[in-house]
Amino acid sequence: MAATAAIPGVAGAHEETGLSAKNDETIRKYYAAWEKKDWHPLDILLANNFTFSSANNDDHISKTAFKARCWESQIDFIERFELERVVGTGNEAFVMYVGRTKNGKTFRNVEYFRLSDHKVQSIECYFGGPSSFPSAVSTGRR
């Protein structure tokens, strides 16, 4: 947790009761790994059978596909995440955040996490409303 305390957006999110401290820490480490641009810590946090879904033609894609389609295409674009809410209970949580890009644009998403044994089993990403970031919503694609 000490590593995430230095990142104001990640450490400053309001935590709701019900989510275990360990699962909360796993989620925060996930976003911190994106900000550090380091796949290895992220890979460790994701279960081997991890899946990712979004409205961007990602229907329960594997960890390998997630790395190729999401991580590798976005890692040089993302500057940081400002977690606004981490709300959950047991092994499930919703995270609402504002993403900041290196070119000064922003986007807002909500992600639904399912965790098991303090590993991320799946993430479903829900794109926010129109913003300066091209998403399925802001470009008129659905």
N, C-alpha and C. Protein backbone atom coordinates (compact mmCIF):
# COMPACT_ATOMS: atom_id res chain seq x y z
N MET A 1 0.81 -1.18 0.00
CA MET A 1 0.00 0.00 0.00
C MET A 1 0.87 1.26 0.00
N ALA A 2 2.06 1.17 0.52
CA ALA A 2 2.91 2.35 0.60
C ALA A 2 3.20 2.91 -0.79
N ALA A 3 3.33 2.05 -1.77
CA ALA A 3 3.62 2.53 -3.12
C ALA A 3 2.46 3.32 -3.68
N THR A 4 1.23 2.94 -3.36
CA THR A 4 0.09 3.67 -3.91
C THR A 4 -0.18 4.94 -3.14
N ALA A 5 0.31 5.07 -1.94
CA ALA A 5 0.07 6.27 -1.15
C ALA A 5 0.72 7.50 -1.80
N ALA A 6 1.76 7.27 -2.58
CA ALA A 6 2.45 8.37 -3.23
C ALA A 6 1.72 8.88 -4.47
N ILE A 7 0.71 8.15 -4.91
CA ILE A 7 -0.04 8.53 -6.10
C ILE A 7 -1.37 9.12 -5.64
N PRO A 8 -1.53 10.45 -5.65
CA PRO A 8 -2.71 11.09 -5.08
C PRO A 8 -4.03 10.56 -5.61
N GLY A 9 -4.17 10.38 -6.91
CA GLY A 9 -5.43 9.91 -7.46
C GLY A 9 -5.79 8.52 -7.00
N VAL A 10 -4.81 7.65 -6.93
CA VAL A 10 -5.06 6.27 -6.53
C VAL A 10 -5.32 6.19 -5.03
N ALA A 11 -4.54 6.87 -4.24
CA ALA A 11 -4.68 6.79 -2.80
C ALA A 11 -5.86 7.59 -2.28
N GLY A 12 -6.32 8.60 -3.03
CA GLY A 12 -7.35 9.50 -2.54
C GLY A 12 -8.78 9.05 -2.76
N ALA A 13 -9.01 7.94 -3.42
CA ALA A 13 -10.38 7.50 -3.70
C ALA A 13 -11.10 7.18 -2.40
N HIS A 14 -12.36 7.51 -2.39
CA HIS A 14 -13.21 7.22 -1.24
C HIS A 14 -13.56 5.74 -1.23
N GLU A 15 -13.27 5.06 -0.14
CA GLU A 15 -13.56 3.64 -0.03
C GLU A 15 -14.85 3.43 0.75
N GLU A 16 -15.74 2.62 0.21
CA GLU A 16 -16.96 2.26 0.91
C GLU A 16 -16.70 0.97 1.70
N THR A 17 -17.48 0.76 2.74
CA THR A 17 -17.29 -0.43 3.56
C THR A 17 -17.74 -1.68 2.81
N GLY A 18 -17.23 -2.81 3.22
CA GLY A 18 -17.64 -4.09 2.67
C GLY A 18 -16.58 -4.80 1.88
N LEU A 19 -15.67 -4.09 1.26
CA LEU A 19 -14.59 -4.70 0.49
C LEU A 19 -13.43 -4.96 1.44
N SER A 20 -12.87 -6.16 1.37
CA SER A 20 -11.75 -6.46 2.26
C SER A 20 -10.57 -5.55 1.95
N ALA A 21 -9.76 -5.31 2.95
CA ALA A 21 -8.58 -4.46 2.77
C ALA A 21 -7.65 -5.06 1.71
N LYS A 22 -7.53 -6.37 1.67
CA LYS A 22 -6.64 -7.02 0.70
C LYS A 22 -7.17 -6.85 -0.72
N ASN A 23 -8.49 -7.00 -0.92
CA ASN A 23 -9.05 -6.80 -2.26
C ASN A 23 -8.96 -5.34 -2.68
N ASP A 24 -9.17 -4.42 -1.73
CA ASP A 24 -9.00 -3.00 -2.03
C ASP A 24 -7.56 -2.72 -2.47
N GLU A 25 -6.62 -3.31 -1.77
CA GLU A 25 -5.20 -3.14 -2.11
C GLU A 25 -4.89 -3.71 -3.50
N THR A 26 -5.46 -4.86 -3.83
CA THR A 26 -5.25 -5.46 -5.15
C THR A 26 -5.73 -4.53 -6.26
N ILE A 27 -6.92 -3.95 -6.07
CA ILE A 27 -7.47 -3.03 -7.06
C ILE A 27 -6.59 -1.81 -7.22
N ARG A 28 -6.14 -1.24 -6.12
CA ARG A 28 -5.29 -0.05 -6.19
C ARG A 28 -3.93 -0.36 -6.84
N LYS A 29 -3.41 -1.54 -6.58
CA LYS A 29 -2.15 -1.95 -7.22
C LYS A 29 -2.33 -2.11 -8.73
N TYR A 30 -3.51 -2.56 -9.13
CA TYR A 30 -3.82 -2.70 -10.56
C TYR A 30 -3.65 -1.35 -11.27
N TYR A 31 -4.29 -0.32 -10.74
CA TYR A 31 -4.19 1.01 -11.38
C TYR A 31 -2.79 1.59 -11.24
N ALA A 32 -2.12 1.35 -10.13
CA ALA A 32 -0.76 1.84 -9.94
C ALA A 32 0.19 1.22 -10.97
N ALA A 33 -0.02 -0.05 -11.32
CA ALA A 33 0.82 -0.70 -12.32
C ALA A 33 0.67 -0.03 -13.68
N TRP A 34 -0.55 0.39 -14.02
CA TRP A 34 -0.76 1.13 -15.27
C TRP A 34 0.05 2.43 -15.24
N GLU A 35 0.02 3.12 -14.13
CA GLU A 35 0.72 4.40 -14.03
C GLU A 35 2.23 4.22 -14.07
N LYS A 36 2.72 3.09 -13.57
CA LYS A 36 4.16 2.82 -13.57
C LYS A 36 4.62 2.25 -14.91
N LYS A 37 3.66 1.91 -15.78
CA LYS A 37 3.98 1.37 -17.12
C LYS A 37 4.73 0.06 -17.02
N ASP A 38 4.37 -0.77 -16.04
CA ASP A 38 5.09 -2.01 -15.80
C ASP A 38 4.11 -3.19 -15.84
N TRP A 39 4.23 -4.04 -16.86
CA TRP A 39 3.32 -5.16 -17.02
C TRP A 39 3.49 -6.22 -15.93
N HIS A 40 4.70 -6.47 -15.48
CA HIS A 40 4.95 -7.57 -14.55
C HIS A 40 4.07 -7.52 -13.29
N PRO A 41 4.00 -6.39 -12.56
CA PRO A 41 3.13 -6.37 -11.38
C PRO A 41 1.65 -6.57 -11.74
N LEU A 42 1.26 -6.07 -12.89
CA LEU A 42 -0.12 -6.25 -13.33
C LEU A 42 -0.38 -7.72 -13.64
N ASP A 43 0.53 -8.34 -14.34
CA ASP A 43 0.42 -9.75 -14.69
C ASP A 43 0.24 -10.62 -13.44
N ILE A 44 0.97 -10.29 -12.39
CA ILE A 44 0.88 -11.04 -11.14
C ILE A 44 -0.49 -10.88 -10.49
N LEU A 45 -1.09 -9.69 -10.64
CA LEU A 45 -2.40 -9.43 -10.03
C LEU A 45 -3.55 -10.10 -10.77
N LEU A 46 -3.36 -10.39 -12.05
CA LEU A 46 -4.41 -10.99 -12.87
C LEU A 46 -4.35 -12.50 -12.79
N ALA A 47 -5.49 -13.13 -12.51
CA ALA A 47 -5.56 -14.59 -12.46
C ALA A 47 -5.23 -15.15 -13.84
N ASN A 48 -4.76 -16.38 -13.88
CA ASN A 48 -4.42 -17.01 -15.16
C ASN A 48 -5.62 -17.09 -16.08
N ASN A 49 -6.82 -17.26 -15.51
CA ASN A 49 -8.04 -17.34 -16.32
C ASN A 49 -8.77 -16.00 -16.38
N PHE A 50 -8.05 -14.91 -16.18
CA PHE A 50 -8.60 -13.55 -16.22
C PHE A 50 -9.33 -13.30 -17.54
N THR A 51 -10.45 -12.55 -17.45
CA THR A 51 -11.14 -12.09 -18.65
C THR A 51 -11.46 -10.61 -18.52
N PHE A 52 -11.52 -9.94 -19.67
CA PHE A 52 -11.84 -8.52 -19.74
C PHE A 52 -12.94 -8.33 -20.77
N SER A 53 -13.91 -7.48 -20.42
CA SER A 53 -15.02 -7.18 -21.32
C SER A 53 -15.24 -5.67 -21.37
N SER A 54 -15.58 -5.17 -22.55
CA SER A 54 -15.96 -3.77 -22.72
C SER A 54 -16.81 -3.64 -23.97
N ALA A 55 -17.34 -2.46 -24.15
CA ALA A 55 -18.16 -2.18 -25.34
C ALA A 55 -17.31 -1.98 -26.59
N ASN A 56 -16.02 -2.14 -26.46
CA ASN A 56 -15.10 -1.93 -27.57
C ASN A 56 -14.70 -3.26 -28.22
N ASN A 57 -15.68 -4.13 -28.42
CA ASN A 57 -15.45 -5.44 -29.02
C ASN A 57 -14.57 -6.36 -28.17
N ASP A 58 -14.63 -6.19 -26.87
CA ASP A 58 -13.88 -7.04 -25.94
C ASP A 58 -14.91 -7.87 -25.18
N ASP A 59 -15.11 -9.09 -25.59
CA ASP A 59 -16.10 -9.95 -24.95
C ASP A 59 -15.39 -11.09 -24.24
N HIS A 60 -15.10 -10.88 -22.96
CA HIS A 60 -14.42 -11.88 -22.13
C HIS A 60 -13.10 -12.32 -22.77
N ILE A 61 -12.30 -11.34 -23.19
CA ILE A 61 -11.01 -11.69 -23.79
C ILE A 61 -10.05 -12.17 -22.71
N SER A 62 -9.11 -12.98 -23.09
CA SER A 62 -8.14 -13.57 -22.17
C SER A 62 -7.10 -12.55 -21.71
N LYS A 63 -6.30 -12.96 -20.75
CA LYS A 63 -5.21 -12.10 -20.28
C LYS A 63 -4.24 -11.78 -21.41
N THR A 64 -3.93 -12.75 -22.23
CA THR A 64 -3.02 -12.54 -23.35
C THR A 64 -3.61 -11.53 -24.33
N ALA A 65 -4.89 -11.68 -24.65
CA ALA A 65 -5.54 -10.73 -25.56
C ALA A 65 -5.65 -9.34 -24.93
N PHE A 66 -5.92 -9.29 -23.62
CA PHE A 66 -5.99 -8.02 -22.90
C PHE A 66 -4.65 -7.30 -22.99
N LYS A 67 -3.57 -8.02 -22.79
CA LYS A 67 -2.24 -7.40 -22.88
C LYS A 67 -2.02 -6.83 -24.27
N ALA A 68 -2.33 -7.60 -25.30
CA ALA A 68 -2.09 -7.17 -26.68
C ALA A 68 -3.04 -6.05 -27.09
N ARG A 69 -4.32 -6.17 -26.78
CA ARG A 69 -5.33 -5.22 -27.28
C ARG A 69 -5.49 -3.98 -26.42
N CYS A 70 -5.31 -4.12 -25.12
CA CYS A 70 -5.58 -3.00 -24.22
C CYS A 70 -4.29 -2.40 -23.65
N TRP A 71 -3.47 -3.21 -23.03
CA TRP A 71 -2.25 -2.72 -22.42
C TRP A 71 -1.30 -2.12 -23.46
N GLU A 72 -0.93 -2.92 -24.46
CA GLU A 72 0.07 -2.46 -25.41
C GLU A 72 -0.40 -1.29 -26.27
N SER A 73 -1.69 -1.18 -26.50
CA SER A 73 -2.19 -0.07 -27.31
C SER A 73 -2.42 1.20 -26.50
N GLN A 74 -2.53 1.08 -25.18
CA GLN A 74 -2.87 2.24 -24.35
C GLN A 74 -1.77 2.67 -23.38
N ILE A 75 -0.80 1.85 -23.13
CA ILE A 75 0.18 2.14 -22.07
C ILE A 75 0.95 3.44 -22.30
N ASP A 76 1.24 3.77 -23.54
CA ASP A 76 1.96 5.01 -23.81
C ASP A 76 1.03 6.21 -23.91
N PHE A 77 -0.26 5.96 -23.82
CA PHE A 77 -1.28 7.00 -23.93
C PHE A 77 -1.79 7.45 -22.55
N ILE A 78 -1.85 6.52 -21.60
CA ILE A 78 -2.39 6.79 -20.26
C ILE A 78 -1.32 7.47 -19.41
N GLU A 79 -1.70 8.55 -18.76
CA GLU A 79 -0.79 9.20 -17.81
C GLU A 79 -1.08 8.73 -16.39
N ARG A 80 -2.37 8.82 -15.99
CA ARG A 80 -2.71 8.43 -14.62
C ARG A 80 -4.21 8.23 -14.49
N PHE A 81 -4.58 7.62 -13.37
CA PHE A 81 -5.98 7.42 -13.00
C PHE A 81 -6.26 8.15 -11.70
N GLU A 82 -7.40 8.78 -11.63
CA GLU A 82 -7.87 9.39 -10.39
C GLU A 82 -9.09 8.59 -9.95
N LEU A 83 -8.88 7.70 -8.99
CA LEU A 83 -9.98 6.87 -8.50
C LEU A 83 -10.90 7.75 -7.66
N GLU A 84 -12.16 7.76 -8.04
CA GLU A 84 -13.14 8.56 -7.32
C GLU A 84 -13.93 7.73 -6.31
N ARG A 85 -14.23 6.49 -6.66
CA ARG A 85 -14.97 5.60 -5.78
C ARG A 85 -14.47 4.17 -5.97
N VAL A 86 -14.28 3.49 -4.87
CA VAL A 86 -14.04 2.05 -4.86
C VAL A 86 -15.10 1.50 -3.91
N VAL A 87 -16.11 0.85 -4.49
CA VAL A 87 -17.26 0.39 -3.73
C VAL A 87 -17.41 -1.10 -3.95
N GLY A 88 -17.46 -1.85 -2.87
CA GLY A 88 -17.60 -3.29 -3.06
C GLY A 88 -17.96 -4.02 -1.79
N THR A 89 -18.16 -5.29 -2.00
CA THR A 89 -18.41 -6.19 -0.88
C THR A 89 -17.89 -7.56 -1.27
N GLY A 90 -17.31 -8.25 -0.31
CA GLY A 90 -16.77 -9.57 -0.60
C GLY A 90 -15.72 -9.53 -1.70
N ASN A 91 -15.97 -10.27 -2.78
CA ASN A 91 -15.03 -10.37 -3.89
C ASN A 91 -15.46 -9.59 -5.13
N GLU A 92 -16.33 -8.59 -4.94
CA GLU A 92 -16.80 -7.79 -6.06
C GLU A 92 -16.65 -6.31 -5.73
N ALA A 93 -16.31 -5.53 -6.75
CA ALA A 93 -16.17 -4.09 -6.52
C ALA A 93 -16.43 -3.32 -7.80
N PHE A 94 -16.93 -2.11 -7.64
CA PHE A 94 -17.05 -1.15 -8.74
C PHE A 94 -16.05 -0.03 -8.47
N VAL A 95 -15.35 0.38 -9.52
CA VAL A 95 -14.40 1.47 -9.42
C VAL A 95 -14.79 2.52 -10.44
N MET A 96 -15.00 3.75 -9.97
CA MET A 96 -15.28 4.87 -10.86
C MET A 96 -14.03 5.75 -10.86
N TYR A 97 -13.56 6.09 -12.05
CA TYR A 97 -12.33 6.87 -12.13
C TYR A 97 -12.36 7.84 -13.30
N VAL A 98 -11.47 8.80 -13.21
CA VAL A 98 -11.18 9.69 -14.32
C VAL A 98 -9.78 9.31 -14.79
N GLY A 99 -9.66 9.03 -16.08
CA GLY A 99 -8.36 8.74 -16.66
C GLY A 99 -7.81 10.00 -17.30
N ARG A 100 -6.54 10.21 -17.14
CA ARG A 100 -5.86 11.36 -17.74
C ARG A 100 -4.84 10.82 -18.75
N THR A 101 -4.87 11.39 -19.94
CA THR A 101 -3.94 10.96 -20.98
C THR A 101 -2.73 11.88 -21.03
N LYS A 102 -1.69 11.43 -21.70
CA LYS A 102 -0.47 12.22 -21.82
C LYS A 102 -0.67 13.47 -22.65
N ASN A 103 -1.72 13.49 -23.48
CA ASN A 103 -1.96 14.68 -24.30
C ASN A 103 -3.02 15.59 -23.69
N GLY A 104 -3.28 15.44 -22.38
CA GLY A 104 -4.15 16.36 -21.66
C GLY A 104 -5.63 16.08 -21.75
N LYS A 105 -6.02 14.96 -22.32
CA LYS A 105 -7.43 14.63 -22.41
C LYS A 105 -7.85 13.77 -21.23
N THR A 106 -9.16 13.68 -21.03
CA THR A 106 -9.68 12.89 -19.92
C THR A 106 -10.76 11.94 -20.41
N PHE A 107 -10.98 10.90 -19.64
CA PHE A 107 -12.09 10.00 -19.87
C PHE A 107 -12.55 9.47 -18.51
N ARG A 108 -13.81 9.12 -18.42
CA ARG A 108 -14.37 8.60 -17.17
C ARG A 108 -15.00 7.25 -17.46
N ASN A 109 -14.62 6.26 -16.65
CA ASN A 109 -15.17 4.90 -16.78
C ASN A 109 -15.56 4.37 -15.41
N VAL A 110 -16.35 3.31 -15.46
CA VAL A 110 -16.64 2.50 -14.28
C VAL A 110 -16.23 1.09 -14.65
N GLU A 111 -15.51 0.44 -13.75
CA GLU A 111 -15.10 -0.94 -13.98
C GLU A 111 -15.60 -1.81 -12.84
N TYR A 112 -16.13 -2.96 -13.23
CA TYR A 112 -16.63 -3.95 -12.28
C TYR A 112 -15.59 -5.06 -12.16
N PHE A 113 -15.06 -5.23 -10.96
CA PHE A 113 -14.04 -6.23 -10.67
C PHE A 113 -14.65 -7.44 -9.97
N ARG A 114 -14.23 -8.62 -10.36
CA ARG A 114 -14.48 -9.85 -9.61
C ARG A 114 -13.11 -10.39 -9.21
N LEU A 115 -12.96 -10.68 -7.93
CA LEU A 115 -11.68 -11.13 -7.41
C LEU A 115 -11.83 -12.49 -6.74
N SER A 116 -10.73 -13.22 -6.69
CA SER A 116 -10.69 -14.49 -5.98
C SER A 116 -9.26 -14.69 -5.51
N ASP A 117 -9.11 -15.04 -4.25
CA ASP A 117 -7.77 -15.23 -3.67
C ASP A 117 -6.87 -14.03 -3.94
N HIS A 118 -7.45 -12.84 -3.86
CA HIS A 118 -6.74 -11.57 -4.01
C HIS A 118 -6.11 -11.40 -5.40
N LYS A 119 -6.70 -12.06 -6.37
CA LYS A 119 -6.32 -11.89 -7.78
C LYS A 119 -7.56 -11.40 -8.53
N VAL A 120 -7.33 -10.63 -9.59
CA VAL A 120 -8.42 -10.14 -10.41
C VAL A 120 -8.83 -11.24 -11.38
N GLN A 121 -10.06 -11.73 -11.22
CA GLN A 121 -10.60 -12.77 -12.10
C GLN A 121 -11.17 -12.17 -13.38
N SER A 122 -11.86 -11.04 -13.23
CA SER A 122 -12.44 -10.41 -14.42
C SER A 122 -12.69 -8.93 -14.17
N ILE A 123 -12.72 -8.20 -15.27
CA ILE A 123 -13.07 -6.78 -15.25
C ILE A 123 -14.04 -6.55 -16.40
N GLU A 124 -15.12 -5.85 -16.10
CA GLU A 124 -16.04 -5.37 -17.12
C GLU A 124 -15.95 -3.85 -17.10
N CYS A 125 -15.60 -3.26 -18.23
CA CYS A 125 -15.41 -1.82 -18.32
C CYS A 125 -16.62 -1.17 -18.97
N TYR A 126 -17.16 -0.16 -18.30
CA TYR A 126 -18.30 0.61 -18.80
C TYR A 126 -17.82 2.02 -19.07
N PHE A 127 -17.86 2.41 -20.34
CA PHE A 127 -17.38 3.72 -20.74
C PHE A 127 -18.34 4.81 -20.27
N GLY A 128 -17.77 5.92 -19.86
CA GLY A 128 -18.56 7.07 -19.42
C GLY A 128 -19.14 7.83 -20.60
N GLY A 129 -19.75 8.94 -20.28
CA GLY A 129 -20.37 9.78 -21.30
C GLY A 129 -19.34 10.44 -22.19
N PRO A 130 -19.81 11.21 -23.16
CA PRO A 130 -18.88 11.88 -24.07
C PRO A 130 -17.84 12.70 -23.31
N SER A 131 -16.62 12.60 -23.77
CA SER A 131 -15.51 13.32 -23.14
C SER A 131 -14.48 13.59 -24.22
N SER A 132 -13.33 14.01 -23.80
CA SER A 132 -12.27 14.27 -24.78
C SER A 132 -11.57 12.99 -25.20
N PHE A 133 -11.90 11.87 -24.61
CA PHE A 133 -11.28 10.59 -24.95
C PHE A 133 -12.18 9.83 -25.93
N PRO A 134 -11.65 9.32 -27.01
CA PRO A 134 -12.49 8.58 -27.95
C PRO A 134 -12.93 7.25 -27.36
N SER A 135 -14.21 7.09 -27.18
CA SER A 135 -14.76 5.83 -26.69
C SER A 135 -15.95 5.46 -27.56
N ALA A 136 -16.51 4.30 -27.32
CA ALA A 136 -17.68 3.89 -28.08
C ALA A 136 -18.81 4.90 -27.93
N VAL A 137 -18.92 5.50 -26.75
CA VAL A 137 -19.99 6.48 -26.51
C VAL A 137 -19.70 7.79 -27.23
N SER A 138 -18.49 8.32 -27.06
CA SER A 138 -18.20 9.64 -27.60
C SER A 138 -18.07 9.66 -29.12
N THR A 139 -17.83 8.51 -29.75
CA THR A 139 -17.71 8.48 -31.20
C THR A 139 -19.02 8.04 -31.88
N GLY A 140 -20.05 7.81 -31.10
CA GLY A 140 -21.34 7.44 -31.67
C GLY A 140 -21.47 5.96 -31.96
N ARG A 141 -20.43 5.17 -31.69
CA ARG A 141 -20.51 3.70 -31.89
C ARG A 141 -21.15 3.09 -30.66
N ARG A 142 -21.93 2.08 -30.85
CA ARG A 142 -22.55 1.40 -29.70
C ARG A 142 -22.47 -0.08 -29.90
